[in-house]
């Protein structure tokens, strides 16, 4: 899954840009999913007093609300980017908001002040009202949404890479950088997506109830050393062979 974000202040055209990019990418045959990051204190995905709300209040970990026209999966807490993307299957994920996500970004701006406040090395393009004010702007590339959606889509196809694991930098800096820093370095041409060591094929894998769990390299190595040390002390056991350990828990 490749992912990028559209960021900017309120009323700078983020949603308009997202819808244009959805249409442009789907027209090219790509499957697109989106995340809308909402900061309003008054917003709730569910309505207090409704039956689905009562399910969650009673302790359900998640609830499907299925209607005649659509369905919604409701959680009783905000999810992290990693938790949300684990539920998605698509070619391109477009995030509206989430400035701190380790993904390439398109910045919607009305002024140079917006650029100065929001720009960093993960921004691959700028659009918004500022496009008409600075037609000769060079870096980062500036696009007029009404005329340049095709060119902007081509830039997305060229620059956007597979979503990084968004690991906690306190637990994983196996590549020497945080995921956010690695995203910026990839876009500057200093590193490659394959430099991420967390989601490369693992020698040790963990699944819980059939759901794979991503392990940072430090945890992989720690568990691997513990298991190999244990197996190496067993009589007639070959620690060089493939080892399977399964724990079944019963009530």
C-alpha atoms as a PDB file:
ATOM      1  CA  UNK A   1       0.000   0.000   0.000  1.00  0.00           C
ATOM      2  CA  UNK A   2       1.398   3.372  -1.051  1.00  0.00           C
ATOM      3  CA  UNK A   3       0.353   6.371   1.005  1.00  0.00           C
ATOM      4  CA  UNK A   4       0.547  10.145   0.991  1.00  0.00           C
ATOM      5  CA  UNK A   5      -1.120  12.991   2.870  1.00  0.00           C
ATOM      6  CA  UNK A   6      -2.780  16.263   1.968  1.00  0.00           C
ATOM      7  CA  UNK A   7      -2.117  18.844   4.682  1.00  0.00           C
ATOM      8  CA  UNK A   8      -2.906  22.503   5.285  1.00  0.00           C
ATOM      9  CA  UNK A   9      -4.980  24.842   7.403  1.00  0.00           C
ATOM     10  CA  UNK A  10      -8.785  24.930   7.340  1.00  0.00           C
ATOM     11  CA  UNK A  11     -10.455  26.162   4.145  1.00  0.00           C
ATOM     12  CA  UNK A  12      -7.341  25.882   1.967  1.00  0.00           C
ATOM     13  CA  UNK A  13      -8.804  23.292  -0.416  1.00  0.00           C
ATOM     14  CA  UNK A  14      -7.659  20.006   1.126  1.00  0.00           C
ATOM     15  CA  UNK A  15     -10.911  18.106   0.623  1.00  0.00           C
ATOM     16  CA  UNK A  16     -11.300  19.412  -2.924  1.00  0.00           C
ATOM     17  CA  UNK A  17      -7.789  18.226  -3.743  1.00  0.00           C
ATOM     18  CA  UNK A  18      -8.373  14.826  -2.136  1.00  0.00           C
ATOM     19  CA  UNK A  19     -11.538  14.228  -4.157  1.00  0.00           C
ATOM     20  CA  UNK A  20      -9.771  15.265  -7.375  1.00  0.00           C
ATOM     21  CA  UNK A  21      -6.904  12.873  -6.662  1.00  0.00           C
ATOM     22  CA  UNK A  22      -9.302  10.042  -5.819  1.00  0.00           C
ATOM     23  CA  UNK A  23     -10.990  10.485  -9.185  1.00  0.00           C
ATOM     24  CA  UNK A  24      -7.689  10.829 -11.034  1.00  0.00           C
ATOM     25  CA  UNK A  25      -6.137   7.706  -9.487  1.00  0.00           C
ATOM     26  CA  UNK A  26      -9.244   5.538  -9.812  1.00  0.00           C
ATOM     27  CA  UNK A  27      -9.541   6.583 -13.466  1.00  0.00           C
ATOM     28  CA  UNK A  28      -6.082   5.033 -13.921  1.00  0.00           C
ATOM     29  CA  UNK A  29      -7.277   1.735 -12.435  1.00  0.00           C
ATOM     30  CA  UNK A  30      -5.903   2.096  -8.905  1.00  0.00           C
ATOM     31  CA  UNK A  31      -7.844   1.142  -5.787  1.00  0.00           C
ATOM     32  CA  UNK A  32      -7.937   4.133  -3.440  1.00  0.00           C
ATOM     33  CA  UNK A  33      -8.771   4.378   0.262  1.00  0.00           C
ATOM     34  CA  UNK A  34      -8.809   7.518   2.381  1.00  0.00           C
ATOM     35  CA  UNK A  35      -8.443   8.623   5.979  1.00  0.00           C
ATOM     36  CA  UNK A  36      -9.931  11.916   7.143  1.00  0.00           C
ATOM     37  CA  UNK A  37      -8.278  13.200  10.322  1.00  0.00           C
ATOM     38  CA  UNK A  38     -10.812  15.280  12.273  1.00  0.00           C
ATOM     39  CA  UNK A  39      -9.839  17.570  15.136  1.00  0.00           C
ATOM     40  CA  UNK A  40     -13.272  18.926  16.088  1.00  0.00           C
ATOM     41  CA  UNK A  41     -14.121  18.279  19.759  1.00  0.00           C
ATOM     42  CA  UNK A  42     -17.780  17.935  18.773  1.00  0.00           C
ATOM     43  CA  UNK A  43     -17.237  15.133  16.227  1.00  0.00           C
ATOM     44  CA  UNK A  44     -18.165  11.551  17.125  1.00  0.00           C
ATOM     45  CA  UNK A  45     -18.390   8.648  14.705  1.00  0.00           C
ATOM     46  CA  UNK A  46     -21.424   7.350  16.595  1.00  0.00           C
ATOM     47  CA  UNK A  47     -24.464   9.046  18.118  1.00  0.00           C
ATOM     48  CA  UNK A  48     -25.103   8.868  21.841  1.00  0.00           C
ATOM     49  CA  UNK A  49     -28.214   6.858  22.641  1.00  0.00           C
ATOM     50  CA  UNK A  50     -28.257   4.884  19.378  1.00  0.00           C
ATOM     51  CA  UNK A  51     -28.176   1.097  19.581  1.00  0.00           C
ATOM     52  CA  UNK A  52     -24.631   0.864  18.165  1.00  0.00           C
ATOM     53  CA  UNK A  53     -23.517   3.372  20.826  1.00  0.00           C
ATOM     54  CA  UNK A  54     -25.093   1.153  23.508  1.00  0.00           C
ATOM     55  CA  UNK A  55     -23.088  -1.826  22.192  1.00  0.00           C
ATOM     56  CA  UNK A  56     -19.833   0.098  22.611  1.00  0.00           C
ATOM     57  CA  UNK A  57     -20.812   1.442  26.023  1.00  0.00           C
ATOM     58  CA  UNK A  58     -21.465  -2.113  27.158  1.00  0.00           C
ATOM     59  CA  UNK A  59     -17.864  -3.032  26.340  1.00  0.00           C
ATOM     60  CA  UNK A  60     -17.783  -4.162  22.707  1.00  0.00           C
ATOM     61  CA  UNK A  61     -14.257  -3.691  21.304  1.00  0.00           C
ATOM     62  CA  UNK A  62     -15.686  -2.770  17.892  1.00  0.00           C
ATOM     63  CA  UNK A  63     -19.152  -2.634  16.378  1.00  0.00           C
ATOM     64  CA  UNK A  64     -20.378  -2.834  12.800  1.00  0.00           C
ATOM     65  CA  UNK A  65     -23.300  -0.574  12.008  1.00  0.00           C
ATOM     66  CA  UNK A  66     -24.928  -2.036   8.884  1.00  0.00           C
ATOM     67  CA  UNK A  67     -27.647  -0.093   7.136  1.00  0.00           C
ATOM     68  CA  UNK A  68     -29.569  -0.358   3.905  1.00  0.00           C
ATOM     69  CA  UNK A  69     -27.074   1.833   2.040  1.00  0.00           C
ATOM     70  CA  UNK A  70     -23.710   1.517   3.825  1.00  0.00           C
ATOM     71  CA  UNK A  71     -21.788  -0.011   6.718  1.00  0.00           C
ATOM     72  CA  UNK A  72     -19.481   1.500   9.327  1.00  0.00           C
ATOM     73  CA  UNK A  73     -16.996  -0.133  11.676  1.00  0.00           C
ATOM     74  CA  UNK A  74     -16.937   1.842  14.923  1.00  0.00           C
ATOM     75  CA  UNK A  75     -14.247   1.677  17.606  1.00  0.00           C
ATOM     76  CA  UNK A  76     -14.678   3.247  21.061  1.00  0.00           C
ATOM     77  CA  UNK A  77     -11.314   5.019  20.821  1.00  0.00           C
ATOM     78  CA  UNK A  78      -9.155   6.850  18.240  1.00  0.00           C
ATOM     79  CA  UNK A  79      -6.894   4.506  16.288  1.00  0.00           C
ATOM     80  CA  UNK A  80      -3.294   5.073  15.282  1.00  0.00           C
ATOM     81  CA  UNK A  81      -2.302   5.207  11.625  1.00  0.00           C
ATOM     82  CA  UNK A  82      -0.812   1.718  11.946  1.00  0.00           C
ATOM     83  CA  UNK A  83      -4.026   0.325  13.437  1.00  0.00           C
ATOM     84  CA  UNK A  84      -6.173   1.889  10.713  1.00  0.00           C
ATOM     85  CA  UNK A  85      -4.002   0.772   7.804  1.00  0.00           C
ATOM     86  CA  UNK A  86      -4.052  -2.807   9.109  1.00  0.00           C
ATOM     87  CA  UNK A  87      -7.759  -2.798   8.217  1.00  0.00           C
ATOM     88  CA  UNK A  88      -7.308  -1.421   4.692  1.00  0.00           C
ATOM     89  CA  UNK A  89      -6.568  -3.001   1.326  1.00  0.00           C
ATOM     90  CA  UNK A  90      -5.783  -0.596  -1.497  1.00  0.00           C
ATOM     91  CA  UNK A  91      -3.138   0.563  -3.955  1.00  0.00           C
ATOM     92  CA  UNK A  92      -3.063   4.172  -2.716  1.00  0.00           C
ATOM     93  CA  UNK A  93      -4.066   5.567   0.643  1.00  0.00           C
ATOM     94  CA  UNK A  94      -4.777   9.307   0.772  1.00  0.00           C
ATOM     95  CA  UNK A  95      -4.717  10.870   4.231  1.00  0.00           C
ATOM     96  CA  UNK A  96      -6.379  14.229   4.729  1.00  0.00           C
ATOM     97  CA  UNK A  97      -4.471  15.674   7.662  1.00  0.00           C
ATOM     98  CA  UNK A  98      -1.981  13.862   9.937  1.00  0.00           C
ATOM     99  CA  UNK A  99       0.973  16.178   9.391  1.00  0.00           C
ATOM    100  CA  UNK A 100       3.169  13.926  11.549  1.00  0.00           C
ATOM    101  CA  UNK A 101       2.583  10.798   9.434  1.00  0.00           C
ATOM    102  CA  UNK A 102       5.799   9.447   7.814  1.00  0.00           C
ATOM    103  CA  UNK A 103       4.506   9.843   4.260  1.00  0.00           C
ATOM    104  CA  UNK A 104       5.003  12.226   1.319  1.00  0.00           C
ATOM    105  CA  UNK A 105       2.736  15.260   1.558  1.00  0.00           C
ATOM    106  CA  UNK A 106       0.987  17.771  -0.648  1.00  0.00           C
ATOM    107  CA  UNK A 107       0.608  21.132   1.085  1.00  0.00           C
ATOM    108  CA  UNK A 108      -2.455  23.287   0.445  1.00  0.00           C
ATOM    109  CA  UNK A 109      -1.545  26.904   1.158  1.00  0.00           C
ATOM    110  CA  UNK A 110      -3.068  30.338   0.774  1.00  0.00           C
ATOM    111  CA  UNK A 111       0.104  32.313   1.475  1.00  0.00           C
ATOM    112  CA  UNK A 112       3.855  32.148   1.924  1.00  0.00           C
ATOM    113  CA  UNK A 113       3.190  32.262   5.673  1.00  0.00           C
ATOM    114  CA  UNK A 114       1.444  28.900   5.386  1.00  0.00           C
ATOM    115  CA  UNK A 115       4.465  27.546   3.542  1.00  0.00           C
ATOM    116  CA  UNK A 116       6.864  28.758   6.200  1.00  0.00           C
ATOM    117  CA  UNK A 117       4.783  27.255   9.003  1.00  0.00           C
ATOM    118  CA  UNK A 118       3.938  23.859   7.480  1.00  0.00           C
ATOM    119  CA  UNK A 119       6.660  23.027   4.952  1.00  0.00           C
ATOM    120  CA  UNK A 120       9.265  20.362   5.694  1.00  0.00           C
ATOM    121  CA  UNK A 121      11.268  17.793   3.736  1.00  0.00           C
ATOM    122  CA  UNK A 122       8.305  15.410   3.393  1.00  0.00           C
ATOM    123  CA  UNK A 123       6.368  17.928   1.236  1.00  0.00           C
ATOM    124  CA  UNK A 124       6.555  16.972  -2.453  1.00  0.00           C
ATOM    125  CA  UNK A 125       4.199  19.615  -3.870  1.00  0.00           C
ATOM    126  CA  UNK A 126       2.241  22.755  -3.028  1.00  0.00           C
ATOM    127  CA  UNK A 127      -1.195  23.777  -4.268  1.00  0.00           C
ATOM    128  CA  UNK A 128      -3.996  26.119  -3.251  1.00  0.00           C
ATOM    129  CA  UNK A 129      -4.580  29.834  -3.767  1.00  0.00           C
ATOM    130  CA  UNK A 130      -0.851  30.444  -3.608  1.00  0.00           C
ATOM    131  CA  UNK A 131      -0.549  28.855  -7.073  1.00  0.00           C
ATOM    132  CA  UNK A 132      -2.086  31.892  -8.752  1.00  0.00           C
ATOM    133  CA  UNK A 133       0.125  34.275  -6.787  1.00  0.00           C
ATOM    134  CA  UNK A 134       3.459  32.690  -7.730  1.00  0.00           C
ATOM    135  CA  UNK A 135       3.180  31.114 -11.220  1.00  0.00           C
ATOM    136  CA  UNK A 136       6.981  30.851 -11.563  1.00  0.00           C
ATOM    137  CA  UNK A 137       7.557  29.072  -8.240  1.00  0.00           C
ATOM    138  CA  UNK A 138      10.120  26.281  -8.662  1.00  0.00           C
ATOM    139  CA  UNK A 139      10.756  24.362  -5.454  1.00  0.00           C
ATOM    140  CA  UNK A 140       8.817  22.552  -4.198  1.00  0.00           C
ATOM    141  CA  UNK A 141       6.732  22.301  -7.388  1.00  0.00           C
ATOM    142  CA  UNK A 142       3.568  24.374  -7.254  1.00  0.00           C
ATOM    143  CA  UNK A 143       0.383  23.240  -9.000  1.00  0.00           C
ATOM    144  CA  UNK A 144      -2.791  25.049  -9.998  1.00  0.00           C
ATOM    145  CA  UNK A 145      -5.472  22.465  -9.182  1.00  0.00           C
ATOM    146  CA  UNK A 146      -7.821  23.620 -11.953  1.00  0.00           C
ATOM    147  CA  UNK A 147      -5.177  23.112 -14.651  1.00  0.00           C
ATOM    148  CA  UNK A 148      -2.568  20.726 -13.285  1.00  0.00           C
ATOM    149  CA  UNK A 149      -4.353  17.738 -11.715  1.00  0.00           C
ATOM    150  CA  UNK A 150      -2.852  15.443 -14.364  1.00  0.00           C
ATOM    151  CA  UNK A 151       0.669  16.675 -13.652  1.00  0.00           C
ATOM    152  CA  UNK A 152       0.106  16.441  -9.901  1.00  0.00           C
ATOM    153  CA  UNK A 153      -1.144  12.859 -10.260  1.00  0.00           C
ATOM    154  CA  UNK A 154       1.973  12.015 -12.300  1.00  0.00           C
ATOM    155  CA  UNK A 155       4.122  13.406  -9.474  1.00  0.00           C
ATOM    156  CA  UNK A 156       2.251  11.252  -6.951  1.00  0.00           C
ATOM    157  CA  UNK A 157       2.846   8.153  -9.062  1.00  0.00           C
ATOM    158  CA  UNK A 158       6.545   9.022  -9.283  1.00  0.00           C
ATOM    159  CA  UNK A 159       7.255  10.049  -5.693  1.00  0.00           C
ATOM    160  CA  UNK A 160       4.932   8.118  -3.392  1.00  0.00           C
ATOM    161  CA  UNK A 161       6.297   4.884  -1.898  1.00  0.00           C
ATOM    162  CA  UNK A 162       5.008   1.988   0.188  1.00  0.00           C
ATOM    163  CA  UNK A 163       3.821   3.030   3.622  1.00  0.00           C
ATOM    164  CA  UNK A 164       6.519   2.838   6.285  1.00  0.00           C
ATOM    165  CA  UNK A 165       5.665   0.864   9.463  1.00  0.00           C
ATOM    166  CA  UNK A 166       5.407   4.036  11.600  1.00  0.00           C
ATOM    167  CA  UNK A 167       7.313   2.346  14.420  1.00  0.00           C
ATOM    168  CA  UNK A 168       7.894   4.099  17.714  1.00  0.00           C
ATOM    169  CA  UNK A 169      11.399   5.597  17.348  1.00  0.00           C
ATOM    170  CA  UNK A 170      12.040   4.715  20.995  1.00  0.00           C
ATOM    171  CA  UNK A 171      11.742   1.037  19.993  1.00  0.00           C
ATOM    172  CA  UNK A 172      13.084   1.003  16.456  1.00  0.00           C
ATOM    173  CA  UNK A 173      15.748   2.988  14.676  1.00  0.00           C
ATOM    174  CA  UNK A 174      17.270  -0.040  13.021  1.00  0.00           C
ATOM    175  CA  UNK A 175      17.924   1.933   9.845  1.00  0.00           C
ATOM    176  CA  UNK A 176      19.441   4.751  11.916  1.00  0.00           C
ATOM    177  CA  UNK A 177      16.439   7.050  11.470  1.00  0.00           C
ATOM    178  CA  UNK A 178      12.873   7.402  12.669  1.00  0.00           C
ATOM    179  CA  UNK A 179      10.205   6.540  10.087  1.00  0.00           C
ATOM    180  CA  UNK A 180       9.523  10.266   9.598  1.00  0.00           C
ATOM    181  CA  UNK A 181      13.210  10.988   9.041  1.00  0.00           C
ATOM    182  CA  UNK A 182      13.499   8.032   6.670  1.00  0.00           C
ATOM    183  CA  UNK A 183      10.521   9.291   4.635  1.00  0.00           C
ATOM    184  CA  UNK A 184      12.220  12.682   4.235  1.00  0.00           C
ATOM    185  CA  UNK A 185      15.540  11.051   3.315  1.00  0.00           C
ATOM    186  CA  UNK A 186      13.839   8.862   0.668  1.00  0.00           C
ATOM    187  CA  UNK A 187      12.232  11.915  -0.921  1.00  0.00           C
ATOM    188  CA  UNK A 188      15.581  13.743  -0.993  1.00  0.00           C
ATOM    189  CA  UNK A 189      17.191  10.746  -2.701  1.00  0.00           C
ATOM    190  CA  UNK A 190      19.503  10.047   0.235  1.00  0.00           C
ATOM    191  CA  UNK A 191      17.919   6.716   1.225  1.00  0.00           C
ATOM    192  CA  UNK A 192      15.723   4.029  -0.329  1.00  0.00           C
ATOM    193  CA  UNK A 193      12.454   2.494   0.832  1.00  0.00           C
ATOM    194  CA  UNK A 194      14.248  -0.848   1.093  1.00  0.00           C
ATOM    195  CA  UNK A 195      16.490   0.641   3.817  1.00  0.00           C
ATOM    196  CA  UNK A 196      13.658   0.055   6.300  1.00  0.00           C
ATOM    197  CA  UNK A 197      14.554  -3.110   8.222  1.00  0.00           C
ATOM    198  CA  UNK A 198      11.324  -3.521  10.184  1.00  0.00           C
ATOM    199  CA  UNK A 199       9.067  -4.746   7.382  1.00  0.00           C
ATOM    200  CA  UNK A 200      11.630  -6.715   5.402  1.00  0.00           C
ATOM    201  CA  UNK A 201      11.097 -10.533   5.443  1.00  0.00           C
ATOM    202  CA  UNK A 202      11.473 -11.619   9.051  1.00  0.00           C
ATOM    203  CA  UNK A 203      13.405 -14.625  10.315  1.00  0.00           C
ATOM    204  CA  UNK A 204      11.035 -14.651  13.263  1.00  0.00           C
ATOM    205  CA  UNK A 205       7.306 -14.075  12.863  1.00  0.00           C
ATOM    206  CA  UNK A 206       4.521 -13.725  15.413  1.00  0.00           C
ATOM    207  CA  UNK A 207       0.784 -14.090  14.880  1.00  0.00           C
ATOM    208  CA  UNK A 208      -1.961 -13.717  17.459  1.00  0.00           C
ATOM    209  CA  UNK A 209      -5.315 -15.273  16.580  1.00  0.00           C
ATOM    210  CA  UNK A 210      -4.072 -15.531  12.996  1.00  0.00           C
ATOM    211  CA  UNK A 211      -3.235 -11.819  12.747  1.00  0.00           C
ATOM    212  CA  UNK A 212       0.458 -11.122  11.952  1.00  0.00           C
ATOM    213  CA  UNK A 213       2.226  -8.809  14.398  1.00  0.00           C
ATOM    214  CA  UNK A 214       5.074  -6.621  13.140  1.00  0.00           C
ATOM    215  CA  UNK A 215       8.146  -6.923  15.340  1.00  0.00           C
ATOM    216  CA  UNK A 216      10.904  -4.338  15.329  1.00  0.00           C
ATOM    217  CA  UNK A 217      14.384  -5.810  14.680  1.00  0.00           C
ATOM    218  CA  UNK A 218      15.447  -5.543  18.339  1.00  0.00           C
ATOM    219  CA  UNK A 219      12.465  -7.648  19.494  1.00  0.00           C
ATOM    220  CA  UNK A 220      12.976 -10.128  16.637  1.00  0.00           C
ATOM    221  CA  UNK A 221      16.601 -10.660  17.625  1.00  0.00           C
ATOM    222  CA  UNK A 222      15.774 -10.910  21.332  1.00  0.00           C
ATOM    223  CA  UNK A 223      13.069 -13.551  20.883  1.00  0.00           C
ATOM    224  CA  UNK A 224      15.138 -15.426  18.341  1.00  0.00           C
ATOM    225  CA  UNK A 225      18.142 -15.611  20.698  1.00  0.00           C
ATOM    226  CA  UNK A 226      15.957 -16.818  23.576  1.00  0.00           C
ATOM    227  CA  UNK A 227      14.302 -19.573  21.525  1.00  0.00           C
ATOM    228  CA  UNK A 228      17.586 -20.718  19.922  1.00  0.00           C
ATOM    229  CA  UNK A 229      19.277 -20.816  23.313  1.00  0.00           C
ATOM    230  CA  UNK A 230      16.465 -22.956  24.704  1.00  0.00           C
ATOM    231  CA  UNK A 231      16.400 -25.326  21.722  1.00  0.00           C
ATOM    232  CA  UNK A 232      20.178 -25.605  21.739  1.00  0.00           C
ATOM    233  CA  UNK A 233      20.024 -27.118  25.223  1.00  0.00           C
ATOM    234  CA  UNK A 234      17.464 -29.768  24.309  1.00  0.00           C
ATOM    235  CA  UNK A 235      18.670 -33.305  23.714  1.00  0.00           C
ATOM    236  CA  UNK A 236      18.390 -34.487  20.077  1.00  0.00           C
ATOM    237  CA  UNK A 237      17.120 -31.091  18.907  1.00  0.00           C
ATOM    238  CA  UNK A 238      18.658 -29.359  15.904  1.00  0.00           C
ATOM    239  CA  UNK A 239      18.837 -25.583  16.551  1.00  0.00           C
ATOM    240  CA  UNK A 240      19.815 -25.087  12.890  1.00  0.00           C
ATOM    241  CA  UNK A 241      16.474 -26.381  11.635  1.00  0.00           C
ATOM    242  CA  UNK A 242      13.235 -24.477  11.172  1.00  0.00           C
ATOM    243  CA  UNK A 243      11.567 -23.973  14.548  1.00  0.00           C
ATOM    244  CA  UNK A 244       7.849 -23.561  15.153  1.00  0.00           C
ATOM    245  CA  UNK A 245       6.552 -22.502  18.568  1.00  0.00           C
ATOM    246  CA  UNK A 246       2.789 -22.318  19.102  1.00  0.00           C
ATOM    247  CA  UNK A 247       1.056 -21.306  22.335  1.00  0.00           C
ATOM    248  CA  UNK A 248      -2.640 -22.100  22.657  1.00  0.00           C
ATOM    249  CA  UNK A 249      -4.435 -20.445  25.529  1.00  0.00           C
ATOM    250  CA  UNK A 250      -7.672 -21.921  26.874  1.00  0.00           C
ATOM    251  CA  UNK A 251     -10.112 -20.602  29.457  1.00  0.00           C
END
